[in-house]
Amino acid sequence: MKGAEAAVRAADEVGLSAAVGGSVDFIALIPLHEELTGHLLLLLAAVEGLYRDQPGRSRMGQVVEGVARLAGGLVARPGIGQLNEVLVVAGVCKLLLVLHQIHPQAAPVLEALS
């Protein structure tokens, strides 16, 4: 999970730099986007595994379903090299990290993925 957190921080820094008028190296966004997408897929699989017993109509079941649809759309139609795409993938990774952290059984899974 530390790798995912570091990639999200890197995306946040690029976004902050762009927001204050700094330059953005669009070529450097490509490997960051690829790294974030890899973390997105791993986090999604882990979160779906943790919440698989949640009924689909429960609040958390609906949240996980929604995030899975969003993540699937991002992976199916990537916008490689686009700042907004990198920031959106990073945001979804943040949401997945939070869902991971709040699940009661997350500690053993987090240790295994580290």
PDB file of N, CA and C in Angstrom:
ATOM      1  N   MET A   1       0.811  -1.187   0.000  1.00  0.00           N
ATOM      2  CA  MET A   1       0.000   0.000   0.000  1.00  0.00           C
ATOM      3  C   MET A   1       0.857   1.255   0.000  1.00  0.00           C
ATOM      4  N   LYS A   2       2.062   1.153   0.484  1.00  0.00           N
ATOM      5  CA  LYS A   2       2.931   2.317   0.512  1.00  0.00           C
ATOM      6  C   LYS A   2       3.213   2.818  -0.905  1.00  0.00           C
ATOM      7  N   GLY A   3       3.332   1.895  -1.862  1.00  0.00           N
ATOM      8  CA  GLY A   3       3.549   2.286  -3.249  1.00  0.00           C
ATOM      9  C   GLY A   3       2.370   3.061  -3.807  1.00  0.00           C
ATOM     10  N   ALA A   4       1.170   2.613  -3.484  1.00  0.00           N
ATOM     11  CA  ALA A   4      -0.033   3.313  -3.945  1.00  0.00           C
ATOM     12  C   ALA A   4      -0.115   4.697  -3.311  1.00  0.00           C
ATOM     13  N   GLU A   5       0.183   4.774  -2.027  1.00  0.00           N
ATOM     14  CA  GLU A   5       0.143   6.063  -1.344  1.00  0.00           C
ATOM     15  C   GLU A   5       1.175   7.024  -1.922  1.00  0.00           C
ATOM     16  N   ALA A   6       2.362   6.521  -2.251  1.00  0.00           N
ATOM     17  CA  ALA A   6       3.409   7.363  -2.833  1.00  0.00           C
ATOM     18  C   ALA A   6       3.002   7.853  -4.225  1.00  0.00           C
ATOM     19  N   ALA A   7       2.393   6.993  -5.017  1.00  0.00           N
ATOM     20  CA  ALA A   7       1.955   7.392  -6.357  1.00  0.00           C
ATOM     21  C   ALA A   7       0.843   8.438  -6.277  1.00  0.00           C
ATOM     22  N   VAL A   8      -0.062   8.281  -5.323  1.00  0.00           N
ATOM     23  CA  VAL A   8      -1.135   9.261  -5.134  1.00  0.00           C
ATOM     24  C   VAL A   8      -0.536  10.602  -4.707  1.00  0.00           C
ATOM     25  N   ARG A   9       0.438  10.565  -3.809  1.00  0.00           N
ATOM     26  CA  ARG A   9       1.100  11.809  -3.387  1.00  0.00           C
ATOM     27  C   ARG A   9       1.787  12.493  -4.572  1.00  0.00           C
ATOM     28  N   ALA A  10       2.445  11.693  -5.421  1.00  0.00           N
ATOM     29  CA  ALA A  10       3.106  12.258  -6.599  1.00  0.00           C
ATOM     30  C   ALA A  10       2.085  12.938  -7.515  1.00  0.00           C
ATOM     31  N   ALA A  11       0.933  12.301  -7.716  1.00  0.00           N
ATOM     32  CA  ALA A  11      -0.120  12.896  -8.547  1.00  0.00           C
ATOM     33  C   ALA A  11      -0.654  14.180  -7.904  1.00  0.00           C
ATOM     34  N   ASP A  12      -0.823  14.170  -6.588  1.00  0.00           N
ATOM     35  CA  ASP A  12      -1.272  15.368  -5.882  1.00  0.00           C
ATOM     36  C   ASP A  12      -0.283  16.516  -6.065  1.00  0.00           C
ATOM     37  N   GLU A  13       1.000  16.210  -6.006  1.00  0.00           N
ATOM     38  CA  GLU A  13       2.023  17.242  -6.176  1.00  0.00           C
ATOM     39  C   GLU A  13       1.993  17.827  -7.581  1.00  0.00           C
ATOM     40  N   VAL A  14       1.821  16.979  -8.589  1.00  0.00           N
ATOM     41  CA  VAL A  14       1.725  17.458  -9.968  1.00  0.00           C
ATOM     42  C   VAL A  14       0.484  18.339 -10.121  1.00  0.00           C
ATOM     43  N   GLY A  15      -0.627  17.901  -9.572  1.00  0.00           N
ATOM     44  CA  GLY A  15      -1.861  18.677  -9.648  1.00  0.00           C
ATOM     45  C   GLY A  15      -1.745  20.017  -8.952  1.00  0.00           C
ATOM     46  N   LEU A  16      -1.116  20.031  -7.794  1.00  0.00           N
ATOM     47  CA  LEU A  16      -0.919  21.278  -7.056  1.00  0.00           C
ATOM     48  C   LEU A  16      -0.011  22.216  -7.838  1.00  0.00           C
ATOM     49  N   SER A  17       1.039  21.676  -8.397  1.00  0.00           N
ATOM     50  CA  SER A  17       1.955  22.490  -9.203  1.00  0.00           C
ATOM     51  C   SER A  17       1.220  23.116 -10.391  1.00  0.00           C
ATOM     52  N   ALA A  18       0.401  22.320 -11.061  1.00  0.00           N
ATOM     53  CA  ALA A  18      -0.360  22.833 -12.200  1.00  0.00           C
ATOM     54  C   ALA A  18      -1.372  23.890 -11.762  1.00  0.00           C
ATOM     55  N   ALA A  19      -1.965  23.698 -10.593  1.00  0.00           N
ATOM     56  CA  ALA A  19      -2.983  24.633 -10.099  1.00  0.00           C
ATOM     57  C   ALA A  19      -2.401  26.009  -9.791  1.00  0.00           C
ATOM     58  N   VAL A  20      -1.135  26.047  -9.400  1.00  0.00           N
ATOM     59  CA  VAL A  20      -0.515  27.339  -9.080  1.00  0.00           C
ATOM     60  C   VAL A  20       0.292  27.887 -10.258  1.00  0.00           C
ATOM     61  N   GLY A  21       0.075  27.302 -11.436  1.00  0.00           N
ATOM     62  CA  GLY A  21       0.710  27.823 -12.636  1.00  0.00           C
ATOM     63  C   GLY A  21       2.056  27.223 -12.978  1.00  0.00           C
ATOM     64  N   GLY A  22       2.436  26.169 -12.285  1.00  0.00           N
ATOM     65  CA  GLY A  22       3.706  25.507 -12.587  1.00  0.00           C
ATOM     66  C   GLY A  22       3.617  24.720 -13.882  1.00  0.00           C
ATOM     67  N   SER A  23       4.764  24.358 -14.386  1.00  0.00           N
ATOM     68  CA  SER A  23       4.770  23.583 -15.626  1.00  0.00           C
ATOM     69  C   SER A  23       4.522  22.104 -15.319  1.00  0.00           C
ATOM     70  N   VAL A  24       3.950  21.429 -16.290  1.00  0.00           N
ATOM     71  CA  VAL A  24       3.655  20.003 -16.159  1.00  0.00           C
ATOM     72  C   VAL A  24       4.407  19.267 -17.260  1.00  0.00           C
ATOM     73  N   ASP A  25       5.175  18.262 -16.860  1.00  0.00           N
ATOM     74  CA  ASP A  25       5.884  17.421 -17.823  1.00  0.00           C
ATOM     75  C   ASP A  25       4.930  16.304 -18.240  1.00  0.00           C
ATOM     76  N   PHE A  26       4.283  16.496 -19.391  1.00  0.00           N
ATOM     77  CA  PHE A  26       3.264  15.543 -19.823  1.00  0.00           C
ATOM     78  C   PHE A  26       3.857  14.178 -20.169  1.00  0.00           C
ATOM     79  N   ILE A  27       5.103  14.147 -20.571  1.00  0.00           N
ATOM     80  CA  ILE A  27       5.768  12.863 -20.844  1.00  0.00           C
ATOM     81  C   ILE A  27       5.927  12.088 -19.535  1.00  0.00           C
ATOM     82  N   ALA A  28       6.234  12.784 -18.449  1.00  0.00           N
ATOM     83  CA  ALA A  28       6.384  12.126 -17.144  1.00  0.00           C
ATOM     84  C   ALA A  28       5.050  11.640 -16.591  1.00  0.00           C
ATOM     85  N   LEU A  29       3.944  12.160 -17.110  1.00  0.00           N
ATOM     86  CA  LEU A  29       2.630  11.712 -16.645  1.00  0.00           C
ATOM     87  C   LEU A  29       2.325  10.284 -17.094  1.00  0.00           C
ATOM     88  N   ILE A  30       2.920   9.865 -18.200  1.00  0.00           N
ATOM     89  CA  ILE A  30       2.619   8.531 -18.735  1.00  0.00           C
ATOM     90  C   ILE A  30       3.005   7.429 -17.750  1.00  0.00           C
ATOM     91  N   PRO A  31       4.269   7.395 -17.249  1.00  0.00           N
ATOM     92  CA  PRO A  31       4.583   6.332 -16.285  1.00  0.00           C
ATOM     93  C   PRO A  31       3.817   6.483 -14.967  1.00  0.00           C
ATOM     94  N   LEU A  32       3.525   7.715 -14.562  1.00  0.00           N
ATOM     95  CA  LEU A  32       2.742   7.921 -13.333  1.00  0.00           C
ATOM     96  C   LEU A  32       1.331   7.373 -13.530  1.00  0.00           C
ATOM     97  N   HIS A  33       0.740   7.636 -14.676  1.00  0.00           N
ATOM     98  CA  HIS A  33      -0.594   7.112 -14.971  1.00  0.00           C
ATOM     99  C   HIS A  33      -0.582   5.582 -14.979  1.00  0.00           C
ATOM    100  N   GLU A  34       0.429   4.991 -15.595  1.00  0.00           N
ATOM    101  CA  GLU A  34       0.528   3.529 -15.641  1.00  0.00           C
ATOM    102  C   GLU A  34       0.693   2.949 -14.238  1.00  0.00           C
ATOM    103  N   GLU A  35       1.515   3.605 -13.419  1.00  0.00           N
ATOM    104  CA  GLU A  35       1.700   3.127 -12.037  1.00  0.00           C
ATOM    105  C   GLU A  35       0.400   3.228 -11.251  1.00  0.00           C
ATOM    106  N   LEU A  36      -0.275   4.357 -11.363  1.00  0.00           N
ATOM    107  CA  LEU A  36      -1.542   4.532 -10.651  1.00  0.00           C
ATOM    108  C   LEU A  36      -2.585   3.519 -11.112  1.00  0.00           C
ATOM    109  N   THR A  37      -2.614   3.238 -12.407  1.00  0.00           N
ATOM    110  CA  THR A  37      -3.578   2.262 -12.925  1.00  0.00           C
ATOM    111  C   THR A  37      -3.295   0.875 -12.363  1.00  0.00           C
ATOM    112  N   GLY A  38      -2.028   0.509 -12.256  1.00  0.00           N
ATOM    113  CA  GLY A  38      -1.670  -0.771 -11.637  1.00  0.00           C
ATOM    114  C   GLY A  38      -2.130  -0.839 -10.193  1.00  0.00           C
ATOM    115  N   HIS A  39      -1.891   0.242  -9.445  1.00  0.00           N
ATOM    116  CA  HIS A  39      -2.341   0.280  -8.052  1.00  0.00           C
ATOM    117  C   HIS A  39      -3.864   0.253  -7.970  1.00  0.00           C
ATOM    118  N   LEU A  40      -4.518   0.932  -8.900  1.00  0.00           N
ATOM    119  CA  LEU A  40      -5.975   0.941  -8.933  1.00  0.00           C
ATOM    120  C   LEU A  40      -6.527  -0.474  -9.057  1.00  0.00           C
ATOM    121  N   LEU A  41      -5.955  -1.252  -9.958  1.00  0.00           N
ATOM    122  CA  LEU A  41      -6.431  -2.626 -10.158  1.00  0.00           C
ATOM    123  C   LEU A  41      -6.180  -3.493  -8.925  1.00  0.00           C
ATOM    124  N   LEU A  42      -5.001  -3.368  -8.326  1.00  0.00           N
ATOM    125  CA  LEU A  42      -4.691  -4.152  -7.120  1.00  0.00           C
ATOM    126  C   LEU A  42      -5.584  -3.754  -5.952  1.00  0.00           C
ATOM    127  N   LEU A  43      -5.755  -2.455  -5.764  1.00  0.00           N
ATOM    128  CA  LEU A  43      -6.610  -1.984  -4.676  1.00  0.00           C
ATOM    129  C   LEU A  43      -8.058  -2.409  -4.880  1.00  0.00           C
ATOM    130  N   LEU A  44      -8.528  -2.322  -6.112  1.00  0.00           N
ATOM    131  CA  LEU A  44      -9.898  -2.713  -6.401  1.00  0.00           C
ATOM    132  C   LEU A  44     -10.119  -4.187  -6.082  1.00  0.00           C
ATOM    133  N   ALA A  45      -9.191  -5.023  -6.499  1.00  0.00           N
ATOM    134  CA  ALA A  45      -9.315  -6.460  -6.214  1.00  0.00           C
ATOM    135  C   ALA A  45      -9.325  -6.711  -4.708  1.00  0.00           C
ATOM    136  N   ALA A  46      -8.451  -6.023  -3.986  1.00  0.00           N
ATOM    137  CA  ALA A  46      -8.390  -6.210  -2.534  1.00  0.00           C
ATOM    138  C   ALA A  46      -9.669  -5.728  -1.856  1.00  0.00           C
ATOM    139  N   VAL A  47     -10.163  -4.562  -2.263  1.00  0.00           N
ATOM    140  CA  VAL A  47     -11.378  -4.007  -1.651  1.00  0.00           C
ATOM    141  C   VAL A  47     -12.592  -4.874  -1.985  1.00  0.00           C
ATOM    142  N   GLU A  48     -12.692  -5.313  -3.234  1.00  0.00           N
ATOM    143  CA  GLU A  48     -13.811  -6.191  -3.586  1.00  0.00           C
ATOM    144  C   GLU A  48     -13.740  -7.486  -2.779  1.00  0.00           C
ATOM    145  N   GLY A  49     -12.546  -7.991  -2.541  1.00  0.00           N
ATOM    146  CA  GLY A  49     -12.400  -9.192  -1.724  1.00  0.00           C
ATOM    147  C   GLY A  49     -12.838  -8.972  -0.287  1.00  0.00           C
ATOM    148  N   LEU A  50     -12.488  -7.810   0.268  1.00  0.00           N
ATOM    149  CA  LEU A  50     -12.859  -7.502   1.642  1.00  0.00           C
ATOM    150  C   LEU A  50     -14.371  -7.330   1.805  1.00  0.00           C
ATOM    151  N   TYR A  51     -14.992  -6.709   0.826  1.00  0.00           N
ATOM    152  CA  TYR A  51     -16.407  -6.367   0.935  1.00  0.00           C
ATOM    153  C   TYR A  51     -17.319  -7.337   0.201  1.00  0.00           C
ATOM    154  N   ARG A  52     -16.784  -8.447  -0.271  1.00  0.00           N
ATOM    155  CA  ARG A  52     -17.579  -9.378  -1.080  1.00  0.00           C
ATOM    156  C   ARG A  52     -18.793  -9.909  -0.327  1.00  0.00           C
ATOM    157  N   ASP A  53     -18.746  -9.984   0.991  1.00  0.00           N
ATOM    158  CA  ASP A  53     -19.872 -10.503   1.767  1.00  0.00           C
ATOM    159  C   ASP A  53     -20.932  -9.447   2.060  1.00  0.00           C
ATOM    160  N   GLN A  54     -20.663  -8.198   1.675  1.00  0.00           N
ATOM    161  CA  GLN A  54     -21.648  -7.141   1.889  1.00  0.00           C
ATOM    162  C   GLN A  54     -22.798  -7.324   0.900  1.00  0.00           C
ATOM    163  N   PRO A  55     -24.024  -7.278   1.376  1.00  0.00           N
ATOM    164  CA  PRO A  55     -25.142  -7.366   0.430  1.00  0.00           C
ATOM    165  C   PRO A  55     -25.084  -6.200  -0.552  1.00  0.00           C
ATOM    166  N   GLY A  56     -25.435  -6.475  -1.803  1.00  0.00           N
ATOM    167  CA  GLY A  56     -25.390  -5.451  -2.837  1.00  0.00           C
ATOM    168  C   GLY A  56     -26.232  -4.228  -2.536  1.00  0.00           C
ATOM    169  N   ARG A  57     -27.250  -4.396  -1.732  1.00  0.00           N
ATOM    170  CA  ARG A  57     -28.130  -3.271  -1.408  1.00  0.00           C
ATOM    171  C   ARG A  57     -27.667  -2.512  -0.163  1.00  0.00           C
ATOM    172  N   SER A  58     -26.674  -3.025   0.539  1.00  0.00           N
ATOM    173  CA  SER A  58     -26.182  -2.305   1.713  1.00  0.00           C
ATOM    174  C   SER A  58     -25.431  -1.056   1.259  1.00  0.00           C
ATOM    175  N   ARG A  59     -25.288  -0.134   2.134  1.00  0.00           N
ATOM    176  CA  ARG A  59     -24.609   1.126   1.801  1.00  0.00           C
ATOM    177  C   ARG A  59     -23.194   0.880   1.293  1.00  0.00           C
ATOM    178  N   MET A  60     -22.414   0.074   2.018  1.00  0.00           N
ATOM    179  CA  MET A  60     -21.031  -0.182   1.601  1.00  0.00           C
ATOM    180  C   MET A  60     -20.990  -1.044   0.342  1.00  0.00           C
ATOM    181  N   GLY A  61     -21.941  -1.951   0.205  1.00  0.00           N
ATOM    182  CA  GLY A  61     -22.010  -2.748  -1.018  1.00  0.00           C
ATOM    183  C   GLY A  61     -22.219  -1.868  -2.232  1.00  0.00           C
ATOM    184  N   GLN A  62     -23.075  -0.859  -2.103  1.00  0.00           N
ATOM    185  CA  GLN A  62     -23.331   0.069  -3.202  1.00  0.00           C
ATOM    186  C   GLN A  62     -22.113   0.942  -3.489  1.00  0.00           C
ATOM    187  N   VAL A  63     -21.421   1.357  -2.451  1.00  0.00           N
ATOM    188  CA  VAL A  63     -20.209   2.165  -2.643  1.00  0.00           C
ATOM    189  C   VAL A  63     -19.164   1.368  -3.408  1.00  0.00           C
ATOM    190  N   VAL A  64     -18.924   0.139  -2.984  1.00  0.00           N
ATOM    191  CA  VAL A  64     -17.923  -0.702  -3.652  1.00  0.00           C
ATOM    192  C   VAL A  64     -18.336  -0.980  -5.099  1.00  0.00           C
ATOM    193  N   GLU A  65     -19.608  -1.239  -5.345  1.00  0.00           N
ATOM    194  CA  GLU A  65     -20.085  -1.445  -6.722  1.00  0.00           C
ATOM    195  C   GLU A  65     -19.841  -0.204  -7.576  1.00  0.00           C
ATOM    196  N   GLY A  66     -20.138   0.961  -7.021  1.00  0.00           N
ATOM    197  CA  GLY A  66     -19.942   2.210  -7.758  1.00  0.00           C
ATOM    198  C   GLY A  66     -18.482   2.470  -8.079  1.00  0.00           C
ATOM    199  N   VAL A  67     -17.627   2.227  -7.105  1.00  0.00           N
ATOM    200  CA  VAL A  67     -16.189   2.419  -7.328  1.00  0.00           C
ATOM    201  C   VAL A  67     -15.683   1.419  -8.360  1.00  0.00           C
ATOM    202  N   ALA A  68     -16.185   0.199  -8.324  1.00  0.00           N
ATOM    203  CA  ALA A  68     -15.770  -0.815  -9.300  1.00  0.00           C
ATOM    204  C   ALA A  68     -16.168  -0.388 -10.712  1.00  0.00           C
ATOM    205  N   ARG A  69     -17.373   0.158 -10.869  1.00  0.00           N
ATOM    206  CA  ARG A  69     -17.805   0.636 -12.198  1.00  0.00           C
ATOM    207  C   ARG A  69     -16.935   1.796 -12.663  1.00  0.00           C
ATOM    208  N   LEU A  70     -16.662   2.720 -11.760  1.00  0.00           N
ATOM    209  CA  LEU A  70     -15.826   3.875 -12.096  1.00  0.00           C
ATOM    210  C   LEU A  70     -14.422   3.429 -12.488  1.00  0.00           C
ATOM    211  N   ALA A  71     -13.837   2.555 -11.689  1.00  0.00           N
ATOM    212  CA  ALA A  71     -12.488   2.057 -11.984  1.00  0.00           C
ATOM    213  C   ALA A  71     -12.463   1.308 -13.311  1.00  0.00           C
ATOM    214  N   GLY A  72     -13.483   0.514 -13.562  1.00  0.00           N
ATOM    215  CA  GLY A  72     -13.558  -0.220 -14.824  1.00  0.00           C
ATOM    216  C   GLY A  72     -13.600   0.716 -16.016  1.00  0.00           C
ATOM    217  N   GLY A  73     -14.342   1.794 -15.899  1.00  0.00           N
ATOM    218  CA  GLY A  73     -14.410   2.783 -16.968  1.00  0.00           C
ATOM    219  C   GLY A  73     -13.081   3.472 -17.199  1.00  0.00           C
ATOM    220  N   LEU A  74     -12.373   3.765 -16.126  1.00  0.00           N
ATOM    221  CA  LEU A  74     -11.064   4.415 -16.254  1.00  0.00           C
ATOM    222  C   LEU A  74     -10.051   3.501 -16.915  1.00  0.00           C
ATOM    223  N   VAL A  75     -10.103   2.235 -16.590  1.00  0.00           N
ATOM    224  CA  VAL A  75      -9.152   1.275 -17.153  1.00  0.00           C
ATOM    225  C   VAL A  75      -9.508   0.949 -18.603  1.00  0.00           C
ATOM    226  N   ALA A  76     -10.794   0.867 -18.899  1.00  0.00           N
ATOM    227  CA  ALA A  76     -11.235   0.501 -20.250  1.00  0.00           C
ATOM    228  C   ALA A  76     -10.946   1.586 -21.277  1.00  0.00           C
ATOM    229  N   ARG A  77     -11.004   2.851 -20.840  1.00  0.00           N
ATOM    230  CA  ARG A  77     -10.781   3.959 -21.769  1.00  0.00           C
ATOM    231  C   ARG A  77      -9.797   4.957 -21.160  1.00  0.00           C
ATOM    232  N   PRO A  78      -8.523   4.570 -21.082  1.00  0.00           N
ATOM    233  CA  PRO A  78      -7.542   5.450 -20.432  1.00  0.00           C
ATOM    234  C   PRO A  78      -7.224   6.689 -21.271  1.00  0.00           C
ATOM    235  N   GLY A  79      -6.921   7.757 -20.581  1.00  0.00           N
ATOM    236  CA  GLY A  79      -6.478   8.992 -21.231  1.00  0.00           C
ATOM    237  C   GLY A  79      -5.015   9.216 -20.886  1.00  0.00           C
ATOM    238  N   ILE A  80      -4.166   8.386 -21.401  1.00  0.00           N
ATOM    239  CA  ILE A  80      -2.738   8.418 -21.072  1.00  0.00           C
ATOM    240  C   ILE A  80      -2.140   9.789 -21.383  1.00  0.00           C
ATOM    241  N   GLY A  81      -1.372  10.317 -20.441  1.00  0.00           N
ATOM    242  CA  GLY A  81      -0.671  11.574 -20.651  1.00  0.00           C
ATOM    243  C   GLY A  81      -1.513  12.810 -20.386  1.00  0.00           C
ATOM    244  N   GLN A  82      -2.715  12.625 -19.878  1.00  0.00           N
ATOM    245  CA  GLN A  82      -3.581  13.757 -19.579  1.00  0.00           C
ATOM    246  C   GLN A  82      -3.598  13.991 -18.073  1.00  0.00           C
ATOM    247  N   LEU A  83      -3.365  15.219 -17.677  1.00  0.00           N
ATOM    248  CA  LEU A  83      -3.304  15.551 -16.257  1.00  0.00           C
ATOM    249  C   LEU A  83      -4.611  15.226 -15.550  1.00  0.00           C
ATOM    250  N   ASN A  84      -5.740  15.593 -16.150  1.00  0.00           N
ATOM    251  CA  ASN A  84      -7.020  15.333 -15.479  1.00  0.00           C
ATOM    252  C   ASN A  84      -7.248  13.843 -15.263  1.00  0.00           C
ATOM    253  N   GLU A  85      -6.818  13.014 -16.203  1.00  0.00           N
ATOM    254  CA  GLU A  85      -6.962  11.560 -16.061  1.00  0.00           C
ATOM    255  C   GLU A  85      -6.120  11.047 -14.895  1.00  0.00           C
ATOM    256  N   VAL A  86      -4.892  11.525 -14.796  1.00  0.00           N
ATOM    257  CA  VAL A  86      -4.010  11.122 -13.698  1.00  0.00           C
ATOM    258  C   VAL A  86      -4.626  11.506 -12.360  1.00  0.00           C
ATOM    259  N   LEU A  87      -5.174  12.714 -12.279  1.00  0.00           N
ATOM    260  CA  LEU A  87      -5.765  13.178 -11.021  1.00  0.00           C
ATOM    261  C   LEU A  87      -7.018  12.391 -10.650  1.00  0.00           C
ATOM    262  N   VAL A  88      -7.816  12.009 -11.647  1.00  0.00           N
ATOM    263  CA  VAL A  88      -9.017  11.218 -11.370  1.00  0.00           C
ATOM    264  C   VAL A  88      -8.638   9.808 -10.902  1.00  0.00           C
ATOM    265  N   VAL A  89      -7.680   9.178 -11.581  1.00  0.00           N
ATOM    266  CA  VAL A  89      -7.248   7.836 -11.163  1.00  0.00           C
ATOM    267  C   VAL A  89      -6.669   7.901  -9.745  1.00  0.00           C
ATOM    268  N   ALA A  90      -5.899   8.951  -9.451  1.00  0.00           N
ATOM    269  CA  ALA A  90      -5.356   9.111  -8.096  1.00  0.00           C
ATOM    270  C   ALA A  90      -6.475   9.274  -7.072  1.00  0.00           C
ATOM    271  N   GLY A  91      -7.522  10.016  -7.424  1.00  0.00           N
ATOM    272  CA  GLY A  91      -8.654  10.194  -6.517  1.00  0.00           C
ATOM    273  C   GLY A  91      -9.381   8.894  -6.228  1.00  0.00           C
ATOM    274  N   VAL A  92      -9.557   8.075  -7.253  1.00  0.00           N
ATOM    275  CA  VAL A  92     -10.213   6.779  -7.057  1.00  0.00           C
ATOM    276  C   VAL A  92      -9.319   5.874  -6.202  1.00  0.00           C
ATOM    277  N   CYS A  93      -8.009   5.948  -6.418  1.00  0.00           N
ATOM    278  CA  CYS A  93      -7.084   5.180  -5.571  1.00  0.00           C
ATOM    279  C   CYS A  93      -7.202   5.614  -4.115  1.00  0.00           C
ATOM    280  N   LYS A  94      -7.341   6.920  -3.881  1.00  0.00           N
ATOM    281  CA  LYS A  94      -7.518   7.415  -2.501  1.00  0.00           C
ATOM    282  C   LYS A  94      -8.771   6.818  -1.872  1.00  0.00           C
ATOM    283  N   LEU A  95      -9.858   6.826  -2.625  1.00  0.00           N
ATOM    284  CA  LEU A  95     -11.109   6.255  -2.121  1.00  0.00           C
ATOM    285  C   LEU A  95     -10.931   4.777  -1.790  1.00  0.00           C
ATOM    286  N   LEU A  96     -10.269   4.038  -2.664  1.00  0.00           N
ATOM    287  CA  LEU A  96     -10.032   2.616  -2.413  1.00  0.00           C
ATOM    288  C   LEU A  96      -9.134   2.411  -1.195  1.00  0.00           C
ATOM    289  N   LEU A  97      -8.141   3.267  -1.017  1.00  0.00           N
ATOM    290  CA  LEU A  97      -7.281   3.171   0.170  1.00  0.00           C
ATOM    291  C   LEU A  97      -8.091   3.383   1.446  1.00  0.00           C
ATOM    292  N   VAL A  98      -9.011   4.333   1.423  1.00  0.00           N
ATOM    293  CA  VAL A  98      -9.856   4.584   2.600  1.00  0.00           C
ATOM    294  C   VAL A  98     -10.761   3.386   2.864  1.00  0.00           C
ATOM    295  N   LEU A  99     -11.391   2.858   1.822  1.00  0.00           N
ATOM    296  CA  LEU A  99     -12.246   1.684   2.005  1.00  0.00           C
ATOM    297  C   LEU A  99     -11.453   0.518   2.579  1.00  0.00           C
ATOM    298  N   HIS A 100     -10.227   0.402   2.168  1.00  0.00           N
ATOM    299  CA  HIS A 100      -9.337  -0.642   2.676  1.00  0.00           C
ATOM    300  C   HIS A 100      -9.062  -0.442   4.158  1.00  0.00           C
ATOM    301  N   GLN A 101      -8.751   0.796   4.507  1.00  0.00           N
ATOM    302  CA  GLN A 101      -8.349   1.101   5.883  1.00  0.00           C
ATOM    303  C   GLN A 101      -9.493   0.973   6.874  1.00  0.00           C
ATOM    304  N   ILE A 102     -10.718   1.235   6.448  1.00  0.00           N
ATOM    305  CA  ILE A 102     -11.828   1.208   7.406  1.00  0.00           C
ATOM    306  C   ILE A 102     -12.442  -0.174   7.580  1.00  0.00           C
ATOM    307  N   HIS A 103     -12.096  -1.119   6.717  1.00  0.00           N
ATOM    308  CA  HIS A 103     -12.658  -2.462   6.849  1.00  0.00           C
ATOM    309  C   HIS A 103     -11.994  -3.165   8.029  1.00  0.00           C
ATOM    310  N   PRO A 104     -12.789  -3.808   8.895  1.00  0.00           N
ATOM    311  CA  PRO A 104     -12.229  -4.449  10.093  1.00  0.00           C
ATOM    312  C   PRO A 104     -11.183  -5.522   9.805  1.00  0.00           C
ATOM    313  N   GLN A 105     -11.246  -6.173   8.670  1.00  0.00           N
ATOM    314  CA  GLN A 105     -10.298  -7.239   8.359  1.00  0.00           C
ATOM    315  C   GLN A 105      -9.163  -6.762   7.469  1.00  0.00           C
ATOM    316  N   ALA A 106      -8.993  -5.461   7.316  1.00  0.00           N
ATOM    317  CA  ALA A 106      -8.027  -4.925   6.357  1.00  0.00           C
ATOM    318  C   ALA A 106      -6.580  -5.096   6.802  1.00  0.00           C
ATOM    319  N   ALA A 107      -6.302  -5.098   8.087  1.00  0.00           N
ATOM    320  CA  ALA A 107      -4.916  -5.129   8.556  1.00  0.00           C
ATOM    321  C   ALA A 107      -4.111  -6.302   7.978  1.00  0.00           C
ATOM    322  N   PRO A 108      -4.601  -7.548   8.041  1.00  0.00           N
ATOM    323  CA  PRO A 108      -3.818  -8.648   7.474  1.00  0.00           C
ATOM    324  C   PRO A 108      -3.635  -8.518   5.953  1.00  0.00           C
ATOM    325  N   VAL A 109      -4.651  -8.023   5.267  1.00  0.00           N
ATOM    326  CA  VAL A 109      -4.565  -7.855   3.810  1.00  0.00           C
ATOM    327  C   VAL A 109      -3.559  -6.766   3.477  1.00  0.00           C
ATOM    328  N   LEU A 110      -3.590  -5.669   4.219  1.00  0.00           N
ATOM    329  CA  LEU A 110      -2.644  -4.589   3.979  1.00  0.00           C
ATOM    330  C   LEU A 110      -1.209  -5.048   4.161  1.00  0.00           C
ATOM    331  N   GLU A 111      -0.961  -5.841   5.191  1.00  0.00           N
ATOM    332  CA  GLU A 111       0.387  -6.350   5.441  1.00  0.00           C
ATOM    333  C   GLU A 111       0.841  -7.265   4.298  1.00  0.00           C
ATOM    334  N   ALA A 112      -0.054  -8.079   3.787  1.00  0.00           N
ATOM    335  CA  ALA A 112       0.299  -9.006   2.706  1.00  0.00           C
ATOM    336  C   ALA A 112       0.625  -8.250   1.420  1.00  0.00           C
ATOM    337  N   LEU A 113      -0.038  -7.105   1.171  1.00  0.00           N
ATOM    338  CA  LEU A 113       0.199  -6.343  -0.045  1.00  0.00           C
ATOM    339  C   LEU A 113       1.394  -5.400   0.052  1.00  0.00           C
ATOM    340  N   SER A 114       1.888  -5.163   1.240  1.00  0.00           N
ATOM    341  CA  SER A 114       3.023  -4.232   1.407  1.00  0.00           C
ATOM    342  C   SER A 114       4.322  -4.817   0.926  1.00  0.00           C
TER     343      SER A 114
END
